[in-house]
Amino acid sequence: MEIQKTCSHPAFTAKFVPNRAFREVVQYAKDTKQLGVLDSALYNLKKSNNGDILLIHGETPAGVFSNFSMGRRAVINESDETPQKASFKGIIELGTLGRKFRSLVGGDIKNNVTAEDIMNNYTI
């Protein structure tokens, strides 16, 4: 008898849960020709702390919101023209690995980049 346990979302890096809100942000970046900017921010997040980031956005009578959560922590990005634009700007801000990102992960950044990674990625 063989027992196998497969994790569908292994968290070895920080990645977004592929839900409707995240797909809308990617489509927004495509429509506004900012896929490179989004890719750079997501790359920075991928090489930082481990975990899954859940993005939820929408509109309420109070305005537009986007909510990023990781585990039991969450940060809110409020007000903009559309939920997609607010979430896009929030991802860019998280990608700077600044105060908002540290609030989301609950502490300092645990960088996963090694010297070998840099040599393999940026040399011939």
PDB file of N, CA and C in Angstrom:
ATOM      1  N   MET A   1       0.833  -1.168   0.000  1.00  0.00           N
ATOM      2  CA  MET A   1       0.000   0.000   0.000  1.00  0.00           C
ATOM      3  C   MET A   1       0.884   1.239   0.000  1.00  0.00           C
ATOM      4  N   GLU A   2       0.618   2.124  -0.939  1.00  0.00           N
ATOM      5  CA  GLU A   2       1.399   3.343  -1.053  1.00  0.00           C
ATOM      6  C   GLU A   2       0.525   4.538  -0.675  1.00  0.00           C
ATOM      7  N   ILE A   3       0.998   5.324   0.262  1.00  0.00           N
ATOM      8  CA  ILE A   3       0.272   6.514   0.688  1.00  0.00           C
ATOM      9  C   ILE A   3       1.060   7.725   0.204  1.00  0.00           C
ATOM     10  N   GLN A   4       0.353   8.626  -0.441  1.00  0.00           N
ATOM     11  CA  GLN A   4       1.008   9.803  -0.978  1.00  0.00           C
ATOM     12  C   GLN A   4       0.260  11.053  -0.554  1.00  0.00           C
ATOM     13  N   LYS A   5       0.995  12.045  -0.129  1.00  0.00           N
ATOM     14  CA  LYS A   5       0.396  13.321   0.244  1.00  0.00           C
ATOM     15  C   LYS A   5       1.012  14.391  -0.644  1.00  0.00           C
ATOM     16  N   THR A   6       0.191  15.063  -1.419  1.00  0.00           N
ATOM     17  CA  THR A   6       0.668  16.090  -2.327  1.00  0.00           C
ATOM     18  C   THR A   6       0.100  17.436  -1.912  1.00  0.00           C
ATOM     19  N   CYS A   7       0.983  18.399  -1.706  1.00  0.00           N
ATOM     20  CA  CYS A   7       0.562  19.758  -1.370  1.00  0.00           C
ATOM     21  C   CYS A   7       0.378  20.528  -2.670  1.00  0.00           C
ATOM     22  N   SER A   8      -0.800  21.099  -2.880  1.00  0.00           N
ATOM     23  CA  SER A   8      -1.061  21.795  -4.136  1.00  0.00           C
ATOM     24  C   SER A   8      -0.429  23.179  -4.180  1.00  0.00           C
ATOM     25  N   HIS A   9      -0.135  23.779  -3.046  1.00  0.00           N
ATOM     26  CA  HIS A   9       0.486  25.102  -3.006  1.00  0.00           C
ATOM     27  C   HIS A   9       1.661  25.097  -2.035  1.00  0.00           C
ATOM     28  N   PRO A  10       2.798  24.464  -2.410  1.00  0.00           N
ATOM     29  CA  PRO A  10       3.931  24.516  -1.501  1.00  0.00           C
ATOM     30  C   PRO A  10       4.438  25.947  -1.380  1.00  0.00           C
ATOM     31  N   ALA A  11       4.734  26.380  -0.162  1.00  0.00           N
ATOM     32  CA  ALA A  11       5.119  27.771   0.067  1.00  0.00           C
ATOM     33  C   ALA A  11       6.611  27.870   0.355  1.00  0.00           C
ATOM     34  N   PHE A  12       7.422  27.782  -0.693  1.00  0.00           N
ATOM     35  CA  PHE A  12       8.859  27.963  -0.536  1.00  0.00           C
ATOM     36  C   PHE A  12       9.249  29.400  -0.846  1.00  0.00           C
ATOM     37  N   THR A  13       8.329  30.164  -1.412  1.00  0.00           N
ATOM     38  CA  THR A  13       8.533  31.582  -1.685  1.00  0.00           C
ATOM     39  C   THR A  13       7.195  32.280  -1.472  1.00  0.00           C
ATOM     40  N   ALA A  14       7.219  33.597  -1.480  1.00  0.00           N
ATOM     41  CA  ALA A  14       5.961  34.341  -1.359  1.00  0.00           C
ATOM     42  C   ALA A  14       5.283  34.375  -2.722  1.00  0.00           C
ATOM     43  N   LYS A  15       4.104  33.828  -2.805  1.00  0.00           N
ATOM     44  CA  LYS A  15       3.355  33.799  -4.055  1.00  0.00           C
ATOM     45  C   LYS A  15       1.910  34.165  -3.782  1.00  0.00           C
ATOM     46  N   PHE A  16       1.234  34.650  -4.825  1.00  0.00           N
ATOM     47  CA  PHE A  16      -0.173  35.002  -4.712  1.00  0.00           C
ATOM     48  C   PHE A  16      -1.049  33.797  -5.013  1.00  0.00           C
ATOM     49  N   VAL A  17      -2.169  33.703  -4.323  1.00  0.00           N
ATOM     50  CA  VAL A  17      -3.170  32.686  -4.615  1.00  0.00           C
ATOM     51  C   VAL A  17      -3.814  33.077  -5.949  1.00  0.00           C
ATOM     52  N   PRO A  18      -3.904  32.158  -6.922  1.00  0.00           N
ATOM     53  CA  PRO A  18      -4.408  32.515  -8.256  1.00  0.00           C
ATOM     54  C   PRO A  18      -5.932  32.615  -8.312  1.00  0.00           C
ATOM     55  N   ASN A  19      -6.479  33.657  -7.721  1.00  0.00           N
ATOM     56  CA  ASN A  19      -7.931  33.840  -7.707  1.00  0.00           C
ATOM     57  C   ASN A  19      -8.353  34.895  -8.733  1.00  0.00           C
ATOM     58  N   ARG A  20      -9.631  35.212  -8.767  1.00  0.00           N
ATOM     59  CA  ARG A  20     -10.168  36.168  -9.739  1.00  0.00           C
ATOM     60  C   ARG A  20      -9.533  37.549  -9.586  1.00  0.00           C
ATOM     61  N   ALA A  21      -9.359  37.998  -8.352  1.00  0.00           N
ATOM     62  CA  ALA A  21      -8.785  39.324  -8.111  1.00  0.00           C
ATOM     63  C   ALA A  21      -7.373  39.425  -8.679  1.00  0.00           C
ATOM     64  N   PHE A  22      -6.563  38.394  -8.476  1.00  0.00           N
ATOM     65  CA  PHE A  22      -5.195  38.435  -9.002  1.00  0.00           C
ATOM     66  C   PHE A  22      -5.195  38.411 -10.531  1.00  0.00           C
ATOM     67  N   ARG A  23      -6.069  37.610 -11.121  1.00  0.00           N
ATOM     68  CA  ARG A  23      -6.168  37.586 -12.586  1.00  0.00           C
ATOM     69  C   ARG A  23      -6.595  38.940 -13.131  1.00  0.00           C
ATOM     70  N   GLU A  24      -7.477  39.641 -12.427  1.00  0.00           N
ATOM     71  CA  GLU A  24      -7.900  40.979 -12.850  1.00  0.00           C
ATOM     72  C   GLU A  24      -6.741  41.968 -12.795  1.00  0.00           C
ATOM     73  N   VAL A  25      -5.875  41.847 -11.808  1.00  0.00           N
ATOM     74  CA  VAL A  25      -4.707  42.724 -11.718  1.00  0.00           C
ATOM     75  C   VAL A  25      -3.751  42.453 -12.877  1.00  0.00           C
ATOM     76  N   VAL A  26      -3.544  41.188 -13.199  1.00  0.00           N
ATOM     77  CA  VAL A  26      -2.682  40.843 -14.331  1.00  0.00           C
ATOM     78  C   VAL A  26      -3.278  41.396 -15.630  1.00  0.00           C
ATOM     79  N   GLN A  27      -4.585  41.281 -15.787  1.00  0.00           N
ATOM     80  CA  GLN A  27      -5.241  41.821 -16.979  1.00  0.00           C
ATOM     81  C   GLN A  27      -5.114  43.347 -17.020  1.00  0.00           C
ATOM     82  N   TYR A  28      -5.243  44.004 -15.873  1.00  0.00           N
ATOM     83  CA  TYR A  28      -5.065  45.458 -15.794  1.00  0.00           C
ATOM     84  C   TYR A  28      -3.650  45.833 -16.242  1.00  0.00           C
ATOM     85  N   ALA A  29      -2.650  45.104 -15.755  1.00  0.00           N
ATOM     86  CA  ALA A  29      -1.263  45.382 -16.134  1.00  0.00           C
ATOM     87  C   ALA A  29      -1.064  45.172 -17.635  1.00  0.00           C
ATOM     88  N   LYS A  30      -1.698  44.156 -18.177  1.00  0.00           N
ATOM     89  CA  LYS A  30      -1.601  43.893 -19.616  1.00  0.00           C
ATOM     90  C   LYS A  30      -2.254  45.020 -20.405  1.00  0.00           C
ATOM     91  N   ASP A  31      -3.432  45.436 -19.995  1.00  0.00           N
ATOM     92  CA  ASP A  31      -4.163  46.489 -20.703  1.00  0.00           C
ATOM     93  C   ASP A  31      -3.439  47.833 -20.650  1.00  0.00           C
ATOM     94  N   THR A  32      -2.758  48.112 -19.552  1.00  0.00           N
ATOM     95  CA  THR A  32      -2.058  49.386 -19.403  1.00  0.00           C
ATOM     96  C   THR A  32      -0.575  49.279 -19.770  1.00  0.00           C
ATOM     97  N   LYS A  33      -0.193  48.134 -20.333  1.00  0.00           N
ATOM     98  CA  LYS A  33       1.193  47.888 -20.777  1.00  0.00           C
ATOM     99  C   LYS A  33       2.202  48.058 -19.640  1.00  0.00           C
ATOM    100  N   GLN A  34       1.871  47.481 -18.477  1.00  0.00           N
ATOM    101  CA  GLN A  34       2.746  47.556 -17.304  1.00  0.00           C
ATOM    102  C   GLN A  34       3.098  46.167 -16.777  1.00  0.00           C
ATOM    103  N   LEU A  35       3.094  45.168 -17.660  1.00  0.00           N
ATOM    104  CA  LEU A  35       3.415  43.808 -17.226  1.00  0.00           C
ATOM    105  C   LEU A  35       4.838  43.715 -16.671  1.00  0.00           C
ATOM    106  N   GLY A  36       5.773  44.461 -17.243  1.00  0.00           N
ATOM    107  CA  GLY A  36       7.154  44.450 -16.750  1.00  0.00           C
ATOM    108  C   GLY A  36       7.264  44.977 -15.336  1.00  0.00           C
ATOM    109  N   VAL A  37       6.513  46.030 -15.036  1.00  0.00           N
ATOM    110  CA  VAL A  37       6.509  46.605 -13.690  1.00  0.00           C
ATOM    111  C   VAL A  37       5.931  45.600 -12.697  1.00  0.00           C
ATOM    112  N   LEU A  38       4.825  44.974 -13.075  1.00  0.00           N
ATOM    113  CA  LEU A  38       4.203  43.970 -12.206  1.00  0.00           C
ATOM    114  C   LEU A  38       5.137  42.782 -12.009  1.00  0.00           C
ATOM    115  N   ASP A  39       5.790  42.344 -13.080  1.00  0.00           N
ATOM    116  CA  ASP A  39       6.707  41.213 -12.997  1.00  0.00           C
ATOM    117  C   ASP A  39       7.867  41.511 -12.051  1.00  0.00           C
ATOM    118  N   SER A  40       8.404  42.716 -12.095  1.00  0.00           N
ATOM    119  CA  SER A  40       9.512  43.090 -11.204  1.00  0.00           C
ATOM    120  C   SER A  40       9.087  43.056  -9.739  1.00  0.00           C
ATOM    121  N   ALA A  41       7.894  43.592  -9.455  1.00  0.00           N
ATOM    122  CA  ALA A  41       7.402  43.586  -8.075  1.00  0.00           C
ATOM    123  C   ALA A  41       7.156  42.161  -7.592  1.00  0.00           C
ATOM    124  N   LEU A  42       6.558  41.332  -8.456  1.00  0.00           N
ATOM    125  CA  LEU A  42       6.293  39.945  -8.071  1.00  0.00           C
ATOM    126  C   LEU A  42       7.588  39.163  -7.884  1.00  0.00           C
ATOM    127  N   TYR A  43       8.611  39.467  -8.678  1.00  0.00           N
ATOM    128  CA  TYR A  43       9.913  38.809  -8.523  1.00  0.00           C
ATOM    129  C   TYR A  43      10.513  39.140  -7.160  1.00  0.00           C
ATOM    130  N   ASN A  44      10.430  40.430  -6.759  1.00  0.00           N
ATOM    131  CA  ASN A  44      10.943  40.815  -5.440  1.00  0.00           C
ATOM    132  C   ASN A  44      10.206  40.077  -4.327  1.00  0.00           C
ATOM    133  N   LEU A  45       8.886  39.960  -4.475  1.00  0.00           N
ATOM    134  CA  LEU A  45       8.101  39.246  -3.468  1.00  0.00           C
ATOM    135  C   LEU A  45       8.454  37.765  -3.442  1.00  0.00           C
ATOM    136  N   LYS A  46       8.661  37.184  -4.616  1.00  0.00           N
ATOM    137  CA  LYS A  46       8.980  35.758  -4.712  1.00  0.00           C
ATOM    138  C   LYS A  46      10.291  35.439  -4.009  1.00  0.00           C
ATOM    139  N   LYS A  47      11.244  36.348  -4.062  1.00  0.00           N
ATOM    140  CA  LYS A  47      12.553  36.113  -3.453  1.00  0.00           C
ATOM    141  C   LYS A  47      12.611  36.544  -1.989  1.00  0.00           C
ATOM    142  N   SER A  48      11.466  36.937  -1.436  1.00  0.00           N
ATOM    143  CA  SER A  48      11.446  37.359  -0.031  1.00  0.00           C
ATOM    144  C   SER A  48      10.860  36.235   0.813  1.00  0.00           C
ATOM    145  N   ASN A  49      10.139  36.574   1.839  1.00  0.00           N
ATOM    146  CA  ASN A  49       9.608  35.593   2.793  1.00  0.00           C
ATOM    147  C   ASN A  49       8.735  34.526   2.137  1.00  0.00           C
ATOM    148  N   ASN A  50       8.622  33.405   2.816  1.00  0.00           N
ATOM    149  CA  ASN A  50       7.802  32.301   2.339  1.00  0.00           C
ATOM    150  C   ASN A  50       6.351  32.499   2.747  1.00  0.00           C
ATOM    151  N   GLY A  51       5.428  32.030   1.908  1.00  0.00           N
ATOM    152  CA  GLY A  51       4.020  32.069   2.254  1.00  0.00           C
ATOM    153  C   GLY A  51       3.133  32.402   1.078  1.00  0.00           C
ATOM    154  N   ASP A  52       1.850  32.179   1.247  1.00  0.00           N
ATOM    155  CA  ASP A  52       0.857  32.488   0.221  1.00  0.00           C
ATOM    156  C   ASP A  52       0.175  33.803   0.564  1.00  0.00           C
ATOM    157  N   ILE A  53       0.069  34.684  -0.426  1.00  0.00           N
ATOM    158  CA  ILE A  53      -0.597  35.973  -0.245  1.00  0.00           C
ATOM    159  C   ILE A  53      -1.948  35.901  -0.931  1.00  0.00           C
ATOM    160  N   LEU A  54      -2.996  36.194  -0.201  1.00  0.00           N
ATOM    161  CA  LEU A  54      -4.353  36.204  -0.743  1.00  0.00           C
ATOM    162  C   LEU A  54      -4.753  37.647  -1.006  1.00  0.00           C
ATOM    163  N   LEU A  55      -5.173  37.920  -2.232  1.00  0.00           N
ATOM    164  CA  LEU A  55      -5.620  39.256  -2.625  1.00  0.00           C
ATOM    165  C   LEU A  55      -7.130  39.240  -2.777  1.00  0.00           C
ATOM    166  N   ILE A  56      -7.772  40.189  -2.121  1.00  0.00           N
ATOM    167  CA  ILE A  56      -9.224  40.383  -2.256  1.00  0.00           C
ATOM    168  C   ILE A  56      -9.436  41.867  -2.507  1.00  0.00           C
ATOM    169  N   HIS A  57     -10.218  42.202  -3.540  1.00  0.00           N
ATOM    170  CA  HIS A  57     -10.517  43.608  -3.776  1.00  0.00           C
ATOM    171  C   HIS A  57     -11.959  43.782  -4.217  1.00  0.00           C
ATOM    172  N   GLY A  58     -12.435  45.017  -4.131  1.00  0.00           N
ATOM    173  CA  GLY A  58     -13.806  45.303  -4.514  1.00  0.00           C
ATOM    174  C   GLY A  58     -14.183  46.735  -4.223  1.00  0.00           C
ATOM    175  N   GLU A  59     -15.482  47.006  -4.329  1.00  0.00           N
ATOM    176  CA  GLU A  59     -15.997  48.349  -4.065  1.00  0.00           C
ATOM    177  C   GLU A  59     -17.078  48.264  -2.999  1.00  0.00           C
ATOM    178  N   THR A  60     -17.084  49.239  -2.114  1.00  0.00           N
ATOM    179  CA  THR A  60     -18.123  49.382  -1.091  1.00  0.00           C
ATOM    180  C   THR A  60     -18.663  50.803  -1.204  1.00  0.00           C
ATOM    181  N   PRO A  61     -19.739  51.115  -0.509  1.00  0.00           N
ATOM    182  CA  PRO A  61     -20.213  52.507  -0.521  1.00  0.00           C
ATOM    183  C   PRO A  61     -19.155  53.499  -0.025  1.00  0.00           C
ATOM    184  N   ALA A  62     -18.232  53.031   0.803  1.00  0.00           N
ATOM    185  CA  ALA A  62     -17.170  53.897   1.316  1.00  0.00           C
ATOM    186  C   ALA A  62     -16.058  54.116   0.308  1.00  0.00           C
ATOM    187  N   GLY A  63     -15.965  53.283  -0.720  1.00  0.00           N
ATOM    188  CA  GLY A  63     -14.924  53.433  -1.734  1.00  0.00           C
ATOM    189  C   GLY A  63     -14.338  52.105  -2.155  1.00  0.00           C
ATOM    190  N   VAL A  64     -13.245  52.196  -2.863  1.00  0.00           N
ATOM    191  CA  VAL A  64     -12.550  51.023  -3.403  1.00  0.00           C
ATOM    192  C   VAL A  64     -11.551  50.520  -2.367  1.00  0.00           C
ATOM    193  N   PHE A  65     -11.387  49.199  -2.277  1.00  0.00           N
ATOM    194  CA  PHE A  65     -10.421  48.626  -1.349  1.00  0.00           C
ATOM    195  C   PHE A  65      -9.719  47.445  -2.001  1.00  0.00           C
ATOM    196  N   SER A  66      -8.539  47.138  -1.507  1.00  0.00           N
ATOM    197  CA  SER A  66      -7.858  45.884  -1.816  1.00  0.00           C
ATOM    198  C   SER A  66      -7.195  45.418  -0.530  1.00  0.00           C
ATOM    199  N   ASN A  67      -7.298  44.139  -0.269  1.00  0.00           N
ATOM    200  CA  ASN A  67      -6.837  43.557   0.975  1.00  0.00           C
ATOM    201  C   ASN A  67      -5.847  42.443   0.654  1.00  0.00           C
ATOM    202  N   PHE A  68      -4.661  42.522   1.246  1.00  0.00           N
ATOM    203  CA  PHE A  68      -3.646  41.487   1.094  1.00  0.00           C
ATOM    204  C   PHE A  68      -3.515  40.777   2.432  1.00  0.00           C
ATOM    205  N   SER A  69      -3.637  39.461   2.435  1.00  0.00           N
ATOM    206  CA  SER A  69      -3.485  38.725   3.691  1.00  0.00           C
ATOM    207  C   SER A  69      -2.520  37.568   3.504  1.00  0.00           C
ATOM    208  N   MET A  70      -1.777  37.311   4.576  1.00  0.00           N
ATOM    209  CA  MET A  70      -0.806  36.208   4.614  1.00  0.00           C
ATOM    210  C   MET A  70      -0.901  35.608   6.003  1.00  0.00           C
ATOM    211  N   GLY A  71      -1.431  34.409   6.067  1.00  0.00           N
ATOM    212  CA  GLY A  71      -1.637  33.797   7.374  1.00  0.00           C
ATOM    213  C   GLY A  71      -2.675  34.577   8.161  1.00  0.00           C
ATOM    214  N   ARG A  72      -2.296  35.021   9.355  1.00  0.00           N
ATOM    215  CA  ARG A  72      -3.221  35.792  10.189  1.00  0.00           C
ATOM    216  C   ARG A  72      -3.013  37.297  10.081  1.00  0.00           C
ATOM    217  N   ARG A  73      -2.119  37.729   9.226  1.00  0.00           N
ATOM    218  CA  ARG A  73      -1.847  39.149   9.068  1.00  0.00           C
ATOM    219  C   ARG A  73      -2.460  39.673   7.775  1.00  0.00           C
ATOM    220  N   ALA A  74      -2.829  40.953   7.785  1.00  0.00           N
ATOM    221  CA  ALA A  74      -3.421  41.565   6.594  1.00  0.00           C
ATOM    222  C   ALA A  74      -3.048  43.039   6.531  1.00  0.00           C
ATOM    223  N   VAL A  75      -2.959  43.557   5.310  1.00  0.00           N
ATOM    224  CA  VAL A  75      -2.790  44.988   5.086  1.00  0.00           C
ATOM    225  C   VAL A  75      -3.854  45.423   4.090  1.00  0.00           C
ATOM    226  N   ILE A  76      -4.337  46.634   4.270  1.00  0.00           N
ATOM    227  CA  ILE A  76      -5.415  47.150   3.425  1.00  0.00           C
ATOM    228  C   ILE A  76      -4.884  48.311   2.599  1.00  0.00           C
ATOM    229  N   ASN A  77      -5.259  48.314   1.338  1.00  0.00           N
ATOM    230  CA  ASN A  77      -4.904  49.386   0.418  1.00  0.00           C
ATOM    231  C   ASN A  77      -6.215  50.018  -0.009  1.00  0.00           C
ATOM    232  N   GLU A  78      -6.463  51.252   0.404  1.00  0.00           N
ATOM    233  CA  GLU A  78      -7.764  51.871   0.161  1.00  0.00           C
ATOM    234  C   GLU A  78      -7.705  52.912  -0.940  1.00  0.00           C
ATOM    235  N   SER A  79      -8.859  53.158  -1.531  1.00  0.00           N
ATOM    236  CA  SER A  79      -9.180  54.219  -2.477  1.00  0.00           C
ATOM    237  C   SER A  79      -8.297  54.300  -3.706  1.00  0.00           C
ATOM    238  N   ASP A  80      -8.933  54.245  -4.802  1.00  0.00           N
ATOM    239  CA  ASP A  80      -8.372  54.525  -6.110  1.00  0.00           C
ATOM    240  C   ASP A  80      -9.526  54.494  -7.093  1.00  0.00           C
ATOM    241  N   GLU A  81      -9.231  54.554  -8.358  1.00  0.00           N
ATOM    242  CA  GLU A  81     -10.304  54.596  -9.349  1.00  0.00           C
ATOM    243  C   GLU A  81     -11.033  53.261  -9.477  1.00  0.00           C
ATOM    244  N   THR A  82     -10.281  52.168  -9.542  1.00  0.00           N
ATOM    245  CA  THR A  82     -10.878  50.842  -9.683  1.00  0.00           C
ATOM    246  C   THR A  82     -10.198  49.887  -8.705  1.00  0.00           C
ATOM    247  N   PRO A  83     -10.855  48.775  -8.362  1.00  0.00           N
ATOM    248  CA  PRO A  83     -10.207  47.795  -7.489  1.00  0.00           C
ATOM    249  C   PRO A  83      -8.920  47.234  -8.104  1.00  0.00           C
ATOM    250  N   GLN A  84      -8.933  47.029  -9.430  1.00  0.00           N
ATOM    251  CA  GLN A  84      -7.757  46.479 -10.094  1.00  0.00           C
ATOM    252  C   GLN A  84      -6.562  47.424  -9.984  1.00  0.00           C
ATOM    253  N   LYS A  85      -6.810  48.713 -10.173  1.00  0.00           N
ATOM    254  CA  LYS A  85      -5.731  49.696 -10.091  1.00  0.00           C
ATOM    255  C   LYS A  85      -5.221  49.807  -8.654  1.00  0.00           C
ATOM    256  N   ALA A  86      -6.120  49.777  -7.685  1.00  0.00           N
ATOM    257  CA  ALA A  86      -5.713  49.839  -6.280  1.00  0.00           C
ATOM    258  C   ALA A  86      -4.859  48.627  -5.913  1.00  0.00           C
ATOM    259  N   SER A  87      -5.265  47.451  -6.373  1.00  0.00           N
ATOM    260  CA  SER A  87      -4.501  46.240  -6.079  1.00  0.00           C
ATOM    261  C   SER A  87      -3.162  46.247  -6.796  1.00  0.00           C
ATOM    262  N   PHE A  88      -3.136  46.736  -8.043  1.00  0.00           N
ATOM    263  CA  PHE A  88      -1.887  46.834  -8.793  1.00  0.00           C
ATOM    264  C   PHE A  88      -0.902  47.728  -8.043  1.00  0.00           C
ATOM    265  N   LYS A  89      -1.363  48.895  -7.615  1.00  0.00           N
ATOM    266  CA  LYS A  89      -0.495  49.808  -6.864  1.00  0.00           C
ATOM    267  C   LYS A  89      -0.057  49.187  -5.537  1.00  0.00           C
ATOM    268  N   GLY A  90      -0.954  48.418  -4.911  1.00  0.00           N
ATOM    269  CA  GLY A  90      -0.602  47.740  -3.666  1.00  0.00           C
ATOM    270  C   GLY A  90       0.482  46.700  -3.863  1.00  0.00           C
ATOM    271  N   ILE A  91       0.412  45.948  -4.959  1.00  0.00           N
ATOM    272  CA  ILE A  91       1.446  44.948  -5.255  1.00  0.00           C
ATOM    273  C   ILE A  91       2.777  45.629  -5.515  1.00  0.00           C
ATOM    274  N   ILE A  92       2.739  46.737  -6.246  1.00  0.00           N
ATOM    275  CA  ILE A  92       3.981  47.482  -6.507  1.00  0.00           C
ATOM    276  C   ILE A  92       4.589  47.962  -5.191  1.00  0.00           C
ATOM    277  N   GLU A  93       3.740  48.459  -4.289  1.00  0.00           N
ATOM    278  CA  GLU A  93       4.229  48.918  -2.986  1.00  0.00           C
ATOM    279  C   GLU A  93       4.767  47.753  -2.156  1.00  0.00           C
ATOM    280  N   LEU A  94       4.078  46.604  -2.178  1.00  0.00           N
ATOM    281  CA  LEU A  94       4.592  45.427  -1.468  1.00  0.00           C
ATOM    282  C   LEU A  94       5.932  44.992  -2.051  1.00  0.00           C
ATOM    283  N   GLY A  95       6.089  45.137  -3.365  1.00  0.00           N
ATOM    284  CA  GLY A  95       7.321  44.721  -4.039  1.00  0.00           C
ATOM    285  C   GLY A  95       8.541  45.526  -3.657  1.00  0.00           C
ATOM    286  N   THR A  96       8.344  46.691  -3.051  1.00  0.00           N
ATOM    287  CA  THR A  96       9.494  47.467  -2.570  1.00  0.00           C
ATOM    288  C   THR A  96      10.039  46.898  -1.262  1.00  0.00           C
ATOM    289  N   LEU A  97       9.305  45.942  -0.680  1.00  0.00           N
ATOM    290  CA  LEU A  97       9.687  45.263   0.564  1.00  0.00           C
ATOM    291  C   LEU A  97       9.868  46.252   1.712  1.00  0.00           C
ATOM    292  N   GLY A  98       9.027  47.256   1.728  1.00  0.00           N
ATOM    293  CA  GLY A  98       9.090  48.294   2.758  1.00  0.00           C
ATOM    294  C   GLY A  98       8.194  47.999   3.945  1.00  0.00           C
ATOM    295  N   ARG A  99       7.702  49.087   4.551  1.00  0.00           N
ATOM    296  CA  ARG A  99       6.920  48.986   5.783  1.00  0.00           C
ATOM    297  C   ARG A  99       5.655  48.157   5.616  1.00  0.00           C
ATOM    298  N   LYS A 100       4.956  48.343   4.492  1.00  0.00           N
ATOM    299  CA  LYS A 100       3.714  47.592   4.275  1.00  0.00           C
ATOM    300  C   LYS A 100       3.994  46.092   4.173  1.00  0.00           C
ATOM    301  N   PHE A 101       5.084  45.722   3.502  1.00  0.00           N
ATOM    302  CA  PHE A 101       5.432  44.309   3.389  1.00  0.00           C
ATOM    303  C   PHE A 101       5.805  43.731   4.742  1.00  0.00           C
ATOM    304  N   ARG A 102       6.585  44.480   5.533  1.00  0.00           N
ATOM    305  CA  ARG A 102       6.969  43.988   6.867  1.00  0.00           C
ATOM    306  C   ARG A 102       5.750  43.821   7.765  1.00  0.00           C
ATOM    307  N   SER A 103       4.740  44.690   7.595  1.00  0.00           N
ATOM    308  CA  SER A 103       3.494  44.530   8.349  1.00  0.00           C
ATOM    309  C   SER A 103       2.769  43.255   7.943  1.00  0.00           C
ATOM    310  N   LEU A 104       2.813  42.940   6.654  1.00  0.00           N
ATOM    311  CA  LEU A 104       2.138  41.743   6.154  1.00  0.00           C
ATOM    312  C   LEU A 104       2.799  40.468   6.648  1.00  0.00           C
ATOM    313  N   VAL A 105       4.134  40.416   6.642  1.00  0.00           N
ATOM    314  CA  VAL A 105       4.829  39.195   7.055  1.00  0.00           C
ATOM    315  C   VAL A 105       5.109  39.157   8.544  1.00  0.00           C
ATOM    316  N   GLY A 106       4.925  40.275   9.232  1.00  0.00           N
ATOM    317  CA  GLY A 106       5.095  40.289  10.675  1.00  0.00           C
ATOM    318  C   GLY A 106       6.528  40.375  11.138  1.00  0.00           C
ATOM    319  N   GLY A 107       7.368  41.059  10.403  1.00  0.00           N
ATOM    320  CA  GLY A 107       8.750  41.209  10.838  1.00  0.00           C
ATOM    321  C   GLY A 107       9.676  41.526   9.684  1.00  0.00           C
ATOM    322  N   ASP A 108      10.910  41.144   9.871  1.00  0.00           N
ATOM    323  CA  ASP A 108      11.929  41.441   8.881  1.00  0.00           C
ATOM    324  C   ASP A 108      11.833  40.510   7.680  1.00  0.00           C
ATOM    325  N   ILE A 109      12.471  40.935   6.620  1.00  0.00           N
ATOM    326  CA  ILE A 109      12.494  40.177   5.372  1.00  0.00           C
ATOM    327  C   ILE A 109      13.507  39.057   5.502  1.00  0.00           C
ATOM    328  N   LYS A 110      13.107  37.869   5.075  1.00  0.00           N
ATOM    329  CA  LYS A 110      14.007  36.725   5.047  1.00  0.00           C
ATOM    330  C   LYS A 110      14.331  36.462   3.579  1.00  0.00           C
ATOM    331  N   ASN A 111      15.407  37.056   3.105  1.00  0.00           N
ATOM    332  CA  ASN A 111      15.753  36.975   1.700  1.00  0.00           C
ATOM    333  C   ASN A 111      16.259  35.585   1.353  1.00  0.00           C
ATOM    334  N   ASN A 112      15.742  35.009   0.258  1.00  0.00           N
ATOM    335  CA  ASN A 112      16.109  33.665  -0.172  1.00  0.00           C
ATOM    336  C   ASN A 112      17.136  33.661  -1.288  1.00  0.00           C
ATOM    337  N   VAL A 113      17.752  34.783  -1.588  1.00  0.00           N
ATOM    338  CA  VAL A 113      18.732  34.866  -2.671  1.00  0.00           C
ATOM    339  C   VAL A 113      20.088  34.420  -2.159  1.00  0.00           C
ATOM    340  N   THR A 114      20.753  33.596  -2.965  1.00  0.00           N
ATOM    341  CA  THR A 114      22.104  33.147  -2.624  1.00  0.00           C
ATOM    342  C   THR A 114      23.083  33.677  -3.655  1.00  0.00           C
ATOM    343  N   ALA A 115      24.353  33.608  -3.332  1.00  0.00           N
ATOM    344  CA  ALA A 115      25.393  34.049  -4.266  1.00  0.00           C
ATOM    345  C   ALA A 115      25.363  33.196  -5.535  1.00  0.00           C
ATOM    346  N   GLU A 116      25.061  31.918  -5.383  1.00  0.00           N
ATOM    347  CA  GLU A 116      24.984  31.030  -6.544  1.00  0.00           C
ATOM    348  C   GLU A 116      23.833  31.423  -7.461  1.00  0.00           C
ATOM    349  N   ASP A 117      22.699  31.845  -6.876  1.00  0.00           N
ATOM    350  CA  ASP A 117      21.574  32.313  -7.678  1.00  0.00           C
ATOM    351  C   ASP A 117      21.961  33.503  -8.541  1.00  0.00           C
ATOM    352  N   ILE A 118      22.677  34.440  -7.951  1.00  0.00           N
ATOM    353  CA  ILE A 118      23.096  35.634  -8.698  1.00  0.00           C
ATOM    354  C   ILE A 118      24.056  35.254  -9.809  1.00  0.00           C
ATOM    355  N   MET A 119      25.006  34.397  -9.529  1.00  0.00           N
ATOM    356  CA  MET A 119      25.951  33.969 -10.564  1.00  0.00           C
ATOM    357  C   MET A 119      25.244  33.236 -11.694  1.00  0.00           C
ATOM    358  N   ASN A 120      24.296  32.356 -11.359  1.00  0.00           N
ATOM    359  CA  ASN A 120      23.581  31.601 -12.397  1.00  0.00           C
ATOM    360  C   ASN A 120      22.637  32.467 -13.208  1.00  0.00           C
ATOM    361  N   ASN A 121      21.993  33.434 -12.572  1.00  0.00           N
ATOM    362  CA  ASN A 121      20.981  34.242 -13.252  1.00  0.00           C
ATOM    363  C   ASN A 121      21.546  35.394 -14.073  1.00  0.00           C
ATOM    364  N   TYR A 122      22.711  35.908 -13.689  1.00  0.00           N
ATOM    365  CA  TYR A 122      23.179  37.148 -14.306  1.00  0.00           C
ATOM    366  C   TYR A 122      24.544  37.046 -14.987  1.00  0.00           C
ATOM    367  N   THR A 123      25.039  35.847 -15.178  1.00  0.00           N
ATOM    368  CA  THR A 123      26.299  35.704 -15.917  1.00  0.00           C
ATOM    369  C   THR A 123      26.107  34.686 -17.045  1.00  0.00           C
ATOM    370  N   ILE A 124      27.038  34.720 -17.960  1.00  0.00           N
ATOM    371  CA  ILE A 124      26.959  33.814 -19.133  1.00  0.00           C
ATOM    372  C   ILE A 124      27.452  32.443 -18.751  1.00  0.00           C
TER     373      ILE A 124
END
